[in-house]
């Protein structure tokens, strides 16, 4: 990993930086080291790639970041190489799980997601490498088996779950999804919203982004219904709601696999054991809820 002194020296050598560089570390970033860099009154976000891939294809992240900027919903990527990415800094208001669940915020966020789903692809370079969430999970399971994960006894069931849920979505149109819709990846500059961190973006049904937004930000049942109504308007019905909860199952499973990989490979001090066991309980509860749902459920 590059240390701060070496990073400052590297940044100072780039044409976009003028004068001495001051770095502040952003805490809470799990797969990368992220800094706020200041020089001569300007500010930038610097993302330092760690040596753990987590299935991320960096060329894809770069292409997706550029396309999202061209679509008007992400900050500009100003520089990138094999080690770092430098982004335009967006001064933003602090968000939280509670704020992103508010009706006014969701009404602002839905048009942004629709641009991500339908417009970003227009700016992607071809050919474009991307994997679905099912491929991401299966790739993670393969990695964990290879490294003798302590959870290997669960993987056959997870593979069966993936096949089952994948079959549910065979007829769904694929769009370009952000796939990491934690409130921390949504910026509010007071005027417009921006989406950052496109490293897990890919081609999936719309419902996978909506389910990701829900499960990462602890939506309630009523908030889930409002979310679906804002995106789909009068098209919300019991079948859509049923598939939405199937998508929530698979999003939680994807999160579990990610944390299992972190337990094996991350250089950061993460409490993976407790996080994984909490997530396993959530997955069981969500699956129980889904398999007890009736398509005729009323809202």
C-alpha atoms as a PDB file:
ATOM      1  CA  UNK A   1       0.000   0.000   0.000  1.00  0.00           C
ATOM      2  CA  UNK A   2       1.168   3.537  -0.756  1.00  0.00           C
ATOM      3  CA  UNK A   3       1.813   5.623   2.372  1.00  0.00           C
ATOM      4  CA  UNK A   4       0.707   9.247   2.788  1.00  0.00           C
ATOM      5  CA  UNK A   5       4.158  10.744   2.167  1.00  0.00           C
ATOM      6  CA  UNK A   6       4.550   8.823  -1.087  1.00  0.00           C
ATOM      7  CA  UNK A   7       0.990   9.728  -2.061  1.00  0.00           C
ATOM      8  CA  UNK A   8       1.618  13.439  -1.463  1.00  0.00           C
ATOM      9  CA  UNK A   9       4.781  13.264  -3.549  1.00  0.00           C
ATOM     10  CA  UNK A  10       2.914  11.483  -6.348  1.00  0.00           C
ATOM     11  CA  UNK A  11       0.053  14.001  -6.318  1.00  0.00           C
ATOM     12  CA  UNK A  12       2.458  16.947  -6.329  1.00  0.00           C
ATOM     13  CA  UNK A  13       3.953  15.588  -9.560  1.00  0.00           C
ATOM     14  CA  UNK A  14       0.595  15.701 -11.374  1.00  0.00           C
ATOM     15  CA  UNK A  15      -0.257  18.713 -13.515  1.00  0.00           C
ATOM     16  CA  UNK A  16      -3.648  19.179 -11.844  1.00  0.00           C
ATOM     17  CA  UNK A  17      -2.029  19.975  -8.497  1.00  0.00           C
ATOM     18  CA  UNK A  18      -0.397  23.340  -7.809  1.00  0.00           C
ATOM     19  CA  UNK A  19       1.848  23.923  -4.807  1.00  0.00           C
ATOM     20  CA  UNK A  20       2.022  21.764  -1.700  1.00  0.00           C
ATOM     21  CA  UNK A  21      -0.588  19.044  -1.163  1.00  0.00           C
ATOM     22  CA  UNK A  22      -2.427  18.556   2.133  1.00  0.00           C
ATOM     23  CA  UNK A  23      -4.174  15.208   2.747  1.00  0.00           C
ATOM     24  CA  UNK A  24      -7.026  14.310   5.107  1.00  0.00           C
ATOM     25  CA  UNK A  25      -8.052  10.663   5.449  1.00  0.00           C
ATOM     26  CA  UNK A  26     -11.733   9.738   5.003  1.00  0.00           C
ATOM     27  CA  UNK A  27     -12.569   7.143   7.647  1.00  0.00           C
ATOM     28  CA  UNK A  28     -15.205   4.486   7.108  1.00  0.00           C
ATOM     29  CA  UNK A  29     -14.162   3.560   3.565  1.00  0.00           C
ATOM     30  CA  UNK A  30     -13.901  -0.226   3.519  1.00  0.00           C
ATOM     31  CA  UNK A  31     -12.295  -1.420   0.304  1.00  0.00           C
ATOM     32  CA  UNK A  32     -10.152   1.589  -0.579  1.00  0.00           C
ATOM     33  CA  UNK A  33      -8.234   4.350   1.141  1.00  0.00           C
ATOM     34  CA  UNK A  34      -9.844   7.679   0.291  1.00  0.00           C
ATOM     35  CA  UNK A  35      -8.397  11.119   0.982  1.00  0.00           C
ATOM     36  CA  UNK A  36      -9.453  14.731   0.653  1.00  0.00           C
ATOM     37  CA  UNK A  37      -6.548  16.509  -1.053  1.00  0.00           C
ATOM     38  CA  UNK A  38      -6.127  20.302  -0.898  1.00  0.00           C
ATOM     39  CA  UNK A  39      -3.787  22.547  -2.793  1.00  0.00           C
ATOM     40  CA  UNK A  40      -3.824  26.262  -3.610  1.00  0.00           C
ATOM     41  CA  UNK A  41      -7.476  26.608  -2.576  1.00  0.00           C
ATOM     42  CA  UNK A  42      -8.674  23.622  -4.623  1.00  0.00           C
ATOM     43  CA  UNK A  43     -10.002  20.313  -3.295  1.00  0.00           C
ATOM     44  CA  UNK A  44     -10.041  16.824  -4.779  1.00  0.00           C
ATOM     45  CA  UNK A  45     -11.016  13.312  -3.750  1.00  0.00           C
ATOM     46  CA  UNK A  46      -8.186  10.798  -4.084  1.00  0.00           C
ATOM     47  CA  UNK A  47      -9.040   7.115  -4.096  1.00  0.00           C
ATOM     48  CA  UNK A  48      -6.126   4.771  -3.466  1.00  0.00           C
ATOM     49  CA  UNK A  49      -6.714   1.243  -4.670  1.00  0.00           C
ATOM     50  CA  UNK A  50      -5.882  -1.428  -2.132  1.00  0.00           C
ATOM     51  CA  UNK A  51      -4.425  -4.775  -3.166  1.00  0.00           C
ATOM     52  CA  UNK A  52      -7.689  -6.682  -2.728  1.00  0.00           C
ATOM     53  CA  UNK A  53      -9.826  -6.908  -5.833  1.00  0.00           C
ATOM     54  CA  UNK A  54     -13.177  -8.025  -4.352  1.00  0.00           C
ATOM     55  CA  UNK A  55     -14.025  -8.906  -7.941  1.00  0.00           C
ATOM     56  CA  UNK A  56     -13.714  -5.260  -8.979  1.00  0.00           C
ATOM     57  CA  UNK A  57     -12.501  -4.666 -12.521  1.00  0.00           C
ATOM     58  CA  UNK A  58     -10.788  -1.293 -12.286  1.00  0.00           C
ATOM     59  CA  UNK A  59     -11.050  -0.575 -16.009  1.00  0.00           C
ATOM     60  CA  UNK A  60     -14.797  -1.031 -15.609  1.00  0.00           C
ATOM     61  CA  UNK A  61     -14.912   1.338 -12.624  1.00  0.00           C
ATOM     62  CA  UNK A  62     -13.062   3.978 -14.634  1.00  0.00           C
ATOM     63  CA  UNK A  63     -15.341   3.587 -17.647  1.00  0.00           C
ATOM     64  CA  UNK A  64     -18.477   3.664 -15.486  1.00  0.00           C
ATOM     65  CA  UNK A  65     -17.266   6.733 -13.569  1.00  0.00           C
ATOM     66  CA  UNK A  66     -16.571   8.627 -16.796  1.00  0.00           C
ATOM     67  CA  UNK A  67     -19.907   7.613 -18.327  1.00  0.00           C
ATOM     68  CA  UNK A  68     -21.825   8.631 -15.192  1.00  0.00           C
ATOM     69  CA  UNK A  69     -20.094  12.025 -15.260  1.00  0.00           C
ATOM     70  CA  UNK A  70     -20.949  12.471 -18.946  1.00  0.00           C
ATOM     71  CA  UNK A  71     -24.557  11.651 -18.033  1.00  0.00           C
ATOM     72  CA  UNK A  72     -24.427  14.451 -15.457  1.00  0.00           C
ATOM     73  CA  UNK A  73     -24.814  12.447 -12.260  1.00  0.00           C
ATOM     74  CA  UNK A  74     -21.239  11.867 -11.029  1.00  0.00           C
ATOM     75  CA  UNK A  75     -18.180  14.032 -10.349  1.00  0.00           C
ATOM     76  CA  UNK A  76     -15.456  14.200 -12.976  1.00  0.00           C
ATOM     77  CA  UNK A  77     -12.610  11.692 -12.924  1.00  0.00           C
ATOM     78  CA  UNK A  78      -9.578  13.937 -13.391  1.00  0.00           C
ATOM     79  CA  UNK A  79      -6.756  11.397 -13.295  1.00  0.00           C
ATOM     80  CA  UNK A  80      -6.223   7.670 -12.935  1.00  0.00           C
ATOM     81  CA  UNK A  81      -3.427   5.148 -13.091  1.00  0.00           C
ATOM     82  CA  UNK A  82      -2.728   1.702 -11.653  1.00  0.00           C
ATOM     83  CA  UNK A  83      -2.621   3.098  -8.105  1.00  0.00           C
ATOM     84  CA  UNK A  84      -4.924   6.090  -7.701  1.00  0.00           C
ATOM     85  CA  UNK A  85      -8.006   7.841  -9.017  1.00  0.00           C
ATOM     86  CA  UNK A  86      -8.479  11.596  -8.558  1.00  0.00           C
ATOM     87  CA  UNK A  87     -12.017  12.972  -8.650  1.00  0.00           C
ATOM     88  CA  UNK A  88     -13.599  16.393  -8.649  1.00  0.00           C
ATOM     89  CA  UNK A  89     -14.591  17.344  -5.098  1.00  0.00           C
ATOM     90  CA  UNK A  90     -18.311  17.946  -4.492  1.00  0.00           C
ATOM     91  CA  UNK A  91     -19.095  19.993  -1.387  1.00  0.00           C
ATOM     92  CA  UNK A  92     -22.108  18.198   0.053  1.00  0.00           C
ATOM     93  CA  UNK A  93     -24.509  18.103   2.965  1.00  0.00           C
ATOM     94  CA  UNK A  94     -24.201  15.192   5.404  1.00  0.00           C
ATOM     95  CA  UNK A  95     -26.601  12.339   4.680  1.00  0.00           C
ATOM     96  CA  UNK A  96     -27.663   9.389   6.827  1.00  0.00           C
ATOM     97  CA  UNK A  97     -29.857   6.314   6.562  1.00  0.00           C
ATOM     98  CA  UNK A  98     -32.701   8.316   8.036  1.00  0.00           C
ATOM     99  CA  UNK A  99     -32.325  11.230   5.609  1.00  0.00           C
ATOM    100  CA  UNK A 100     -32.104   9.065   2.497  1.00  0.00           C
ATOM    101  CA  UNK A 101     -35.332   7.283   3.520  1.00  0.00           C
ATOM    102  CA  UNK A 102     -37.295  10.534   3.764  1.00  0.00           C
ATOM    103  CA  UNK A 103     -40.014  10.987   1.155  1.00  0.00           C
ATOM    104  CA  UNK A 104     -38.656  14.279  -0.151  1.00  0.00           C
ATOM    105  CA  UNK A 105     -35.193  12.768  -0.596  1.00  0.00           C
ATOM    106  CA  UNK A 106     -36.567   9.668  -2.354  1.00  0.00           C
ATOM    107  CA  UNK A 107     -38.550  11.888  -4.713  1.00  0.00           C
ATOM    108  CA  UNK A 108     -35.282  13.629  -5.610  1.00  0.00           C
ATOM    109  CA  UNK A 109     -33.329  10.379  -5.849  1.00  0.00           C
ATOM    110  CA  UNK A 110     -35.610   8.452  -8.231  1.00  0.00           C
ATOM    111  CA  UNK A 111     -34.922  10.646 -11.310  1.00  0.00           C
ATOM    112  CA  UNK A 112     -31.191  10.251 -10.597  1.00  0.00           C
ATOM    113  CA  UNK A 113     -31.527   6.461 -10.554  1.00  0.00           C
ATOM    114  CA  UNK A 114     -33.498   6.518 -13.799  1.00  0.00           C
ATOM    115  CA  UNK A 115     -30.667   8.450 -15.451  1.00  0.00           C
ATOM    116  CA  UNK A 116     -28.221   5.850 -14.119  1.00  0.00           C
ATOM    117  CA  UNK A 117     -30.373   3.006 -15.391  1.00  0.00           C
ATOM    118  CA  UNK A 118     -31.160   4.336 -18.848  1.00  0.00           C
ATOM    119  CA  UNK A 119     -28.716   7.115 -19.813  1.00  0.00           C
ATOM    120  CA  UNK A 120     -25.291   6.162 -18.462  1.00  0.00           C
ATOM    121  CA  UNK A 121     -25.055   3.248 -20.888  1.00  0.00           C
ATOM    122  CA  UNK A 122     -25.146   5.732 -23.781  1.00  0.00           C
ATOM    123  CA  UNK A 123     -21.740   7.024 -22.707  1.00  0.00           C
ATOM    124  CA  UNK A 124     -20.036   3.704 -22.005  1.00  0.00           C
ATOM    125  CA  UNK A 125     -17.165   2.687 -24.237  1.00  0.00           C
ATOM    126  CA  UNK A 126     -17.700  -0.516 -26.173  1.00  0.00           C
ATOM    127  CA  UNK A 127     -16.963  -3.316 -25.595  1.00  0.00           C
ATOM    128  CA  UNK A 128     -17.823  -2.980 -21.936  1.00  0.00           C
ATOM    129  CA  UNK A 129     -16.907  -5.578 -19.313  1.00  0.00           C
ATOM    130  CA  UNK A 130     -19.476  -6.065 -16.590  1.00  0.00           C
ATOM    131  CA  UNK A 131     -20.878  -8.860 -14.487  1.00  0.00           C
ATOM    132  CA  UNK A 132     -24.304  -9.426 -12.979  1.00  0.00           C
ATOM    133  CA  UNK A 133     -24.803  -9.704  -9.247  1.00  0.00           C
ATOM    134  CA  UNK A 134     -25.243 -13.479  -9.638  1.00  0.00           C
ATOM    135  CA  UNK A 135     -21.849 -13.761 -11.335  1.00  0.00           C
ATOM    136  CA  UNK A 136     -20.369 -11.627  -8.551  1.00  0.00           C
ATOM    137  CA  UNK A 137     -21.752 -13.955  -5.875  1.00  0.00           C
ATOM    138  CA  UNK A 138     -20.668 -17.104  -7.696  1.00  0.00           C
ATOM    139  CA  UNK A 139     -17.191 -15.687  -8.243  1.00  0.00           C
ATOM    140  CA  UNK A 140     -16.979 -14.845  -4.554  1.00  0.00           C
ATOM    141  CA  UNK A 141     -18.041 -18.347  -3.550  1.00  0.00           C
ATOM    142  CA  UNK A 142     -15.391 -19.846  -5.851  1.00  0.00           C
ATOM    143  CA  UNK A 143     -12.754 -17.622  -4.234  1.00  0.00           C
ATOM    144  CA  UNK A 144     -13.889 -18.532  -0.709  1.00  0.00           C
ATOM    145  CA  UNK A 145     -13.859 -22.260  -1.466  1.00  0.00           C
ATOM    146  CA  UNK A 146     -10.344 -21.937  -2.859  1.00  0.00           C
ATOM    147  CA  UNK A 147      -9.221 -20.231   0.361  1.00  0.00           C
ATOM    148  CA  UNK A 148     -10.952 -22.717   2.685  1.00  0.00           C
ATOM    149  CA  UNK A 149     -13.450 -20.298   4.152  1.00  0.00           C
ATOM    150  CA  UNK A 150     -14.947 -21.442   7.482  1.00  0.00           C
ATOM    151  CA  UNK A 151     -18.362 -21.028   5.845  1.00  0.00           C
ATOM    152  CA  UNK A 152     -17.839 -23.609   3.071  1.00  0.00           C
ATOM    153  CA  UNK A 153     -20.662 -25.755   4.464  1.00  0.00           C
ATOM    154  CA  UNK A 154     -23.138 -23.013   3.477  1.00  0.00           C
ATOM    155  CA  UNK A 155     -22.057 -22.516  -0.115  1.00  0.00           C
ATOM    156  CA  UNK A 156     -24.003 -25.324  -1.806  1.00  0.00           C
ATOM    157  CA  UNK A 157     -27.215 -23.851  -0.421  1.00  0.00           C
ATOM    158  CA  UNK A 158     -26.192 -20.381  -1.575  1.00  0.00           C
ATOM    159  CA  UNK A 159     -25.526 -21.696  -5.084  1.00  0.00           C
ATOM    160  CA  UNK A 160     -29.012 -23.247  -5.120  1.00  0.00           C
ATOM    161  CA  UNK A 161     -30.465 -19.945  -3.898  1.00  0.00           C
ATOM    162  CA  UNK A 162     -28.674 -18.093  -6.704  1.00  0.00           C
ATOM    163  CA  UNK A 163     -30.093 -20.443  -9.335  1.00  0.00           C
ATOM    164  CA  UNK A 164     -33.593 -20.107  -7.875  1.00  0.00           C
ATOM    165  CA  UNK A 165     -33.550 -16.299  -7.701  1.00  0.00           C
ATOM    166  CA  UNK A 166     -31.849 -15.956 -11.079  1.00  0.00           C
ATOM    167  CA  UNK A 167     -34.682 -17.922 -12.681  1.00  0.00           C
ATOM    168  CA  UNK A 168     -37.196 -15.493 -11.169  1.00  0.00           C
ATOM    169  CA  UNK A 169     -35.622 -12.621 -13.064  1.00  0.00           C
ATOM    170  CA  UNK A 170     -35.037 -14.294 -16.441  1.00  0.00           C
ATOM    171  CA  UNK A 171     -37.705 -12.183 -18.140  1.00  0.00           C
ATOM    172  CA  UNK A 172     -36.616  -8.872 -16.585  1.00  0.00           C
ATOM    173  CA  UNK A 173     -34.923  -6.267 -18.760  1.00  0.00           C
ATOM    174  CA  UNK A 174     -31.344  -5.508 -17.744  1.00  0.00           C
ATOM    175  CA  UNK A 175     -30.282  -1.912 -17.117  1.00  0.00           C
ATOM    176  CA  UNK A 176     -27.053  -0.337 -15.912  1.00  0.00           C
ATOM    177  CA  UNK A 177     -27.255  -0.433 -12.118  1.00  0.00           C
ATOM    178  CA  UNK A 178     -25.063   1.386  -9.601  1.00  0.00           C
ATOM    179  CA  UNK A 179     -25.224  -1.605  -7.233  1.00  0.00           C
ATOM    180  CA  UNK A 180     -23.861   0.096  -4.106  1.00  0.00           C
ATOM    181  CA  UNK A 181     -26.545   2.506  -2.960  1.00  0.00           C
ATOM    182  CA  UNK A 182     -25.503   3.164   0.605  1.00  0.00           C
ATOM    183  CA  UNK A 183     -26.301   6.718   1.683  1.00  0.00           C
ATOM    184  CA  UNK A 184     -22.524   7.316   1.759  1.00  0.00           C
ATOM    185  CA  UNK A 185     -22.446   7.016  -2.043  1.00  0.00           C
ATOM    186  CA  UNK A 186     -25.079   9.699  -2.577  1.00  0.00           C
ATOM    187  CA  UNK A 187     -23.993  13.346  -2.363  1.00  0.00           C
ATOM    188  CA  UNK A 188     -26.366  16.293  -1.907  1.00  0.00           C
ATOM    189  CA  UNK A 189     -24.791  19.648  -2.818  1.00  0.00           C
ATOM    190  CA  UNK A 190     -27.964  21.461  -1.770  1.00  0.00           C
ATOM    191  CA  UNK A 191     -29.123  21.807  -5.357  1.00  0.00           C
ATOM    192  CA  UNK A 192     -28.691  18.390  -6.983  1.00  0.00           C
ATOM    193  CA  UNK A 193     -27.785  14.827  -6.063  1.00  0.00           C
ATOM    194  CA  UNK A 194     -24.722  12.924  -7.283  1.00  0.00           C
ATOM    195  CA  UNK A 195     -23.774   9.237  -7.230  1.00  0.00           C
ATOM    196  CA  UNK A 196     -20.183   8.207  -6.511  1.00  0.00           C
ATOM    197  CA  UNK A 197     -18.223   4.921  -6.316  1.00  0.00           C
ATOM    198  CA  UNK A 198     -19.247   3.008  -9.430  1.00  0.00           C
ATOM    199  CA  UNK A 199     -16.884   0.090  -8.863  1.00  0.00           C
ATOM    200  CA  UNK A 200     -19.689  -2.468  -8.398  1.00  0.00           C
ATOM    201  CA  UNK A 201     -21.932  -1.175 -11.189  1.00  0.00           C
ATOM    202  CA  UNK A 202     -23.186  -3.653 -13.751  1.00  0.00           C
ATOM    203  CA  UNK A 203     -26.145  -4.934 -15.730  1.00  0.00           C
ATOM    204  CA  UNK A 204     -29.072  -6.094 -13.593  1.00  0.00           C
ATOM    205  CA  UNK A 205     -32.841  -5.587 -13.343  1.00  0.00           C
ATOM    206  CA  UNK A 206     -33.942  -2.231 -11.895  1.00  0.00           C
ATOM    207  CA  UNK A 207     -35.308  -3.996  -8.819  1.00  0.00           C
ATOM    208  CA  UNK A 208     -31.783  -4.929  -7.748  1.00  0.00           C
ATOM    209  CA  UNK A 209     -30.828  -1.270  -7.303  1.00  0.00           C
ATOM    210  CA  UNK A 210     -34.062  -0.520  -5.466  1.00  0.00           C
ATOM    211  CA  UNK A 211     -33.558  -3.563  -3.228  1.00  0.00           C
ATOM    212  CA  UNK A 212     -29.952  -2.518  -2.615  1.00  0.00           C
ATOM    213  CA  UNK A 213     -31.068   0.984  -1.623  1.00  0.00           C
ATOM    214  CA  UNK A 214     -33.638  -0.541   0.737  1.00  0.00           C
ATOM    215  CA  UNK A 215     -31.472  -3.123   2.466  1.00  0.00           C
ATOM    216  CA  UNK A 216     -28.382  -0.901   2.841  1.00  0.00           C
ATOM    217  CA  UNK A 217     -30.392   1.922   4.367  1.00  0.00           C
ATOM    218  CA  UNK A 218     -32.774  -0.091   6.590  1.00  0.00           C
ATOM    219  CA  UNK A 219     -36.074   0.760   4.877  1.00  0.00           C
ATOM    220  CA  UNK A 220     -39.308  -0.178   6.588  1.00  0.00           C
ATOM    221  CA  UNK A 221     -42.219  -1.872   4.790  1.00  0.00           C
ATOM    222  CA  UNK A 222     -43.997   1.468   4.238  1.00  0.00           C
ATOM    223  CA  UNK A 223     -40.784   3.031   2.939  1.00  0.00           C
ATOM    224  CA  UNK A 224     -40.320   0.103   0.544  1.00  0.00           C
ATOM    225  CA  UNK A 225     -43.822   0.625  -0.840  1.00  0.00           C
ATOM    226  CA  UNK A 226     -43.220   4.371  -1.244  1.00  0.00           C
ATOM    227  CA  UNK A 227     -39.903   3.662  -2.964  1.00  0.00           C
ATOM    228  CA  UNK A 228     -41.565   1.344  -5.499  1.00  0.00           C
ATOM    229  CA  UNK A 229     -44.407   3.798  -6.072  1.00  0.00           C
ATOM    230  CA  UNK A 230     -41.976   6.631  -6.760  1.00  0.00           C
ATOM    231  CA  UNK A 231     -40.056   4.610  -9.324  1.00  0.00           C
ATOM    232  CA  UNK A 232     -42.878   2.685 -10.981  1.00  0.00           C
ATOM    233  CA  UNK A 233     -45.865   4.984 -10.279  1.00  0.00           C
ATOM    234  CA  UNK A 234     -49.101   3.132 -11.109  1.00  0.00           C
ATOM    235  CA  UNK A 235     -47.277  -0.022 -12.230  1.00  0.00           C
ATOM    236  CA  UNK A 236     -46.720  -1.299  -8.675  1.00  0.00           C
ATOM    237  CA  UNK A 237     -48.538  -4.559  -8.005  1.00  0.00           C
ATOM    238  CA  UNK A 238     -48.176  -7.662  -5.889  1.00  0.00           C
ATOM    239  CA  UNK A 239     -45.934  -9.410  -8.437  1.00  0.00           C
ATOM    240  CA  UNK A 240     -43.497  -6.499  -8.485  1.00  0.00           C
ATOM    241  CA  UNK A 241     -43.482  -6.404  -4.693  1.00  0.00           C
ATOM    242  CA  UNK A 242     -42.823 -10.161  -4.610  1.00  0.00           C
ATOM    243  CA  UNK A 243     -39.840  -9.861  -6.940  1.00  0.00           C
ATOM    244  CA  UNK A 244     -38.568  -6.826  -5.049  1.00  0.00           C
ATOM    245  CA  UNK A 245     -38.267  -8.971  -1.928  1.00  0.00           C
ATOM    246  CA  UNK A 246     -36.535 -11.692  -3.926  1.00  0.00           C
ATOM    247  CA  UNK A 247     -34.029  -9.031  -4.992  1.00  0.00           C
ATOM    248  CA  UNK A 248     -33.549  -8.044  -1.352  1.00  0.00           C
ATOM    249  CA  UNK A 249     -32.643 -11.642  -0.547  1.00  0.00           C
ATOM    250  CA  UNK A 250     -29.948 -11.735  -3.208  1.00  0.00           C
ATOM    251  CA  UNK A 251     -28.578  -8.303  -2.229  1.00  0.00           C
ATOM    252  CA  UNK A 252     -28.141  -9.455   1.358  1.00  0.00           C
ATOM    253  CA  UNK A 253     -26.446 -12.636   0.143  1.00  0.00           C
ATOM    254  CA  UNK A 254     -24.083 -10.539  -1.987  1.00  0.00           C
ATOM    255  CA  UNK A 255     -23.213  -8.474   1.091  1.00  0.00           C
ATOM    256  CA  UNK A 256     -22.542 -11.648   3.096  1.00  0.00           C
ATOM    257  CA  UNK A 257     -20.134 -12.961   0.458  1.00  0.00           C
ATOM    258  CA  UNK A 258     -18.367  -9.580   0.355  1.00  0.00           C
ATOM    259  CA  UNK A 259     -17.804  -9.640   4.117  1.00  0.00           C
ATOM    260  CA  UNK A 260     -16.632 -13.249   3.990  1.00  0.00           C
ATOM    261  CA  UNK A 261     -14.020 -12.206   1.425  1.00  0.00           C
ATOM    262  CA  UNK A 262     -13.059  -9.279   3.650  1.00  0.00           C
ATOM    263  CA  UNK A 263     -12.506 -11.690   6.524  1.00  0.00           C
ATOM    264  CA  UNK A 264     -10.013 -13.607   4.384  1.00  0.00           C
ATOM    265  CA  UNK A 265      -8.219 -10.774   2.591  1.00  0.00           C
ATOM    266  CA  UNK A 266      -8.800  -7.280   3.946  1.00  0.00           C
ATOM    267  CA  UNK A 267      -5.858  -5.407   5.431  1.00  0.00           C
ATOM    268  CA  UNK A 268      -8.275  -3.237   7.412  1.00  0.00           C
ATOM    269  CA  UNK A 269      -9.348  -3.933  10.987  1.00  0.00           C
ATOM    270  CA  UNK A 270     -12.913  -5.049  10.299  1.00  0.00           C
ATOM    271  CA  UNK A 271     -15.127  -6.911  12.756  1.00  0.00           C
ATOM    272  CA  UNK A 272     -16.110  -9.399  10.059  1.00  0.00           C
ATOM    273  CA  UNK A 273     -17.208 -12.228  12.360  1.00  0.00           C
ATOM    274  CA  UNK A 274     -19.994 -10.264  14.051  1.00  0.00           C
ATOM    275  CA  UNK A 275     -20.970  -8.486  10.831  1.00  0.00           C
ATOM    276  CA  UNK A 276     -21.248 -11.790   8.961  1.00  0.00           C
ATOM    277  CA  UNK A 277     -23.315 -13.464  11.655  1.00  0.00           C
ATOM    278  CA  UNK A 278     -25.673 -10.494  11.852  1.00  0.00           C
ATOM    279  CA  UNK A 279     -26.012 -10.560   8.063  1.00  0.00           C
ATOM    280  CA  UNK A 280     -26.656 -14.314   8.084  1.00  0.00           C
ATOM    281  CA  UNK A 281     -29.560 -13.740  10.468  1.00  0.00           C
ATOM    282  CA  UNK A 282     -30.879 -10.967   8.198  1.00  0.00           C
ATOM    283  CA  UNK A 283     -30.634 -13.227   5.170  1.00  0.00           C
ATOM    284  CA  UNK A 284     -32.587 -15.991   6.901  1.00  0.00           C
ATOM    285  CA  UNK A 285     -35.254 -13.529   8.044  1.00  0.00           C
ATOM    286  CA  UNK A 286     -35.553 -11.989   4.578  1.00  0.00           C
ATOM    287  CA  UNK A 287     -35.773 -15.417   2.902  1.00  0.00           C
ATOM    288  CA  UNK A 288     -38.400 -16.532   5.416  1.00  0.00           C
ATOM    289  CA  UNK A 289     -40.394 -13.379   4.688  1.00  0.00           C
ATOM    290  CA  UNK A 290     -40.076 -13.824   0.925  1.00  0.00           C
ATOM    291  CA  UNK A 291     -41.014 -17.507   0.831  1.00  0.00           C
ATOM    292  CA  UNK A 292     -44.069 -16.790   2.986  1.00  0.00           C
ATOM    293  CA  UNK A 293     -45.224 -14.000   0.675  1.00  0.00           C
ATOM    294  CA  UNK A 294     -48.226 -14.542  -1.526  1.00  0.00           C
ATOM    295  CA  UNK A 295     -48.291 -12.832  -4.903  1.00  0.00           C
ATOM    296  CA  UNK A 296     -51.762 -11.557  -4.017  1.00  0.00           C
ATOM    297  CA  UNK A 297     -50.355  -9.544  -1.083  1.00  0.00           C
ATOM    298  CA  UNK A 298     -52.068  -6.218  -0.609  1.00  0.00           C
ATOM    299  CA  UNK A 299     -50.295  -2.978   0.221  1.00  0.00           C
END
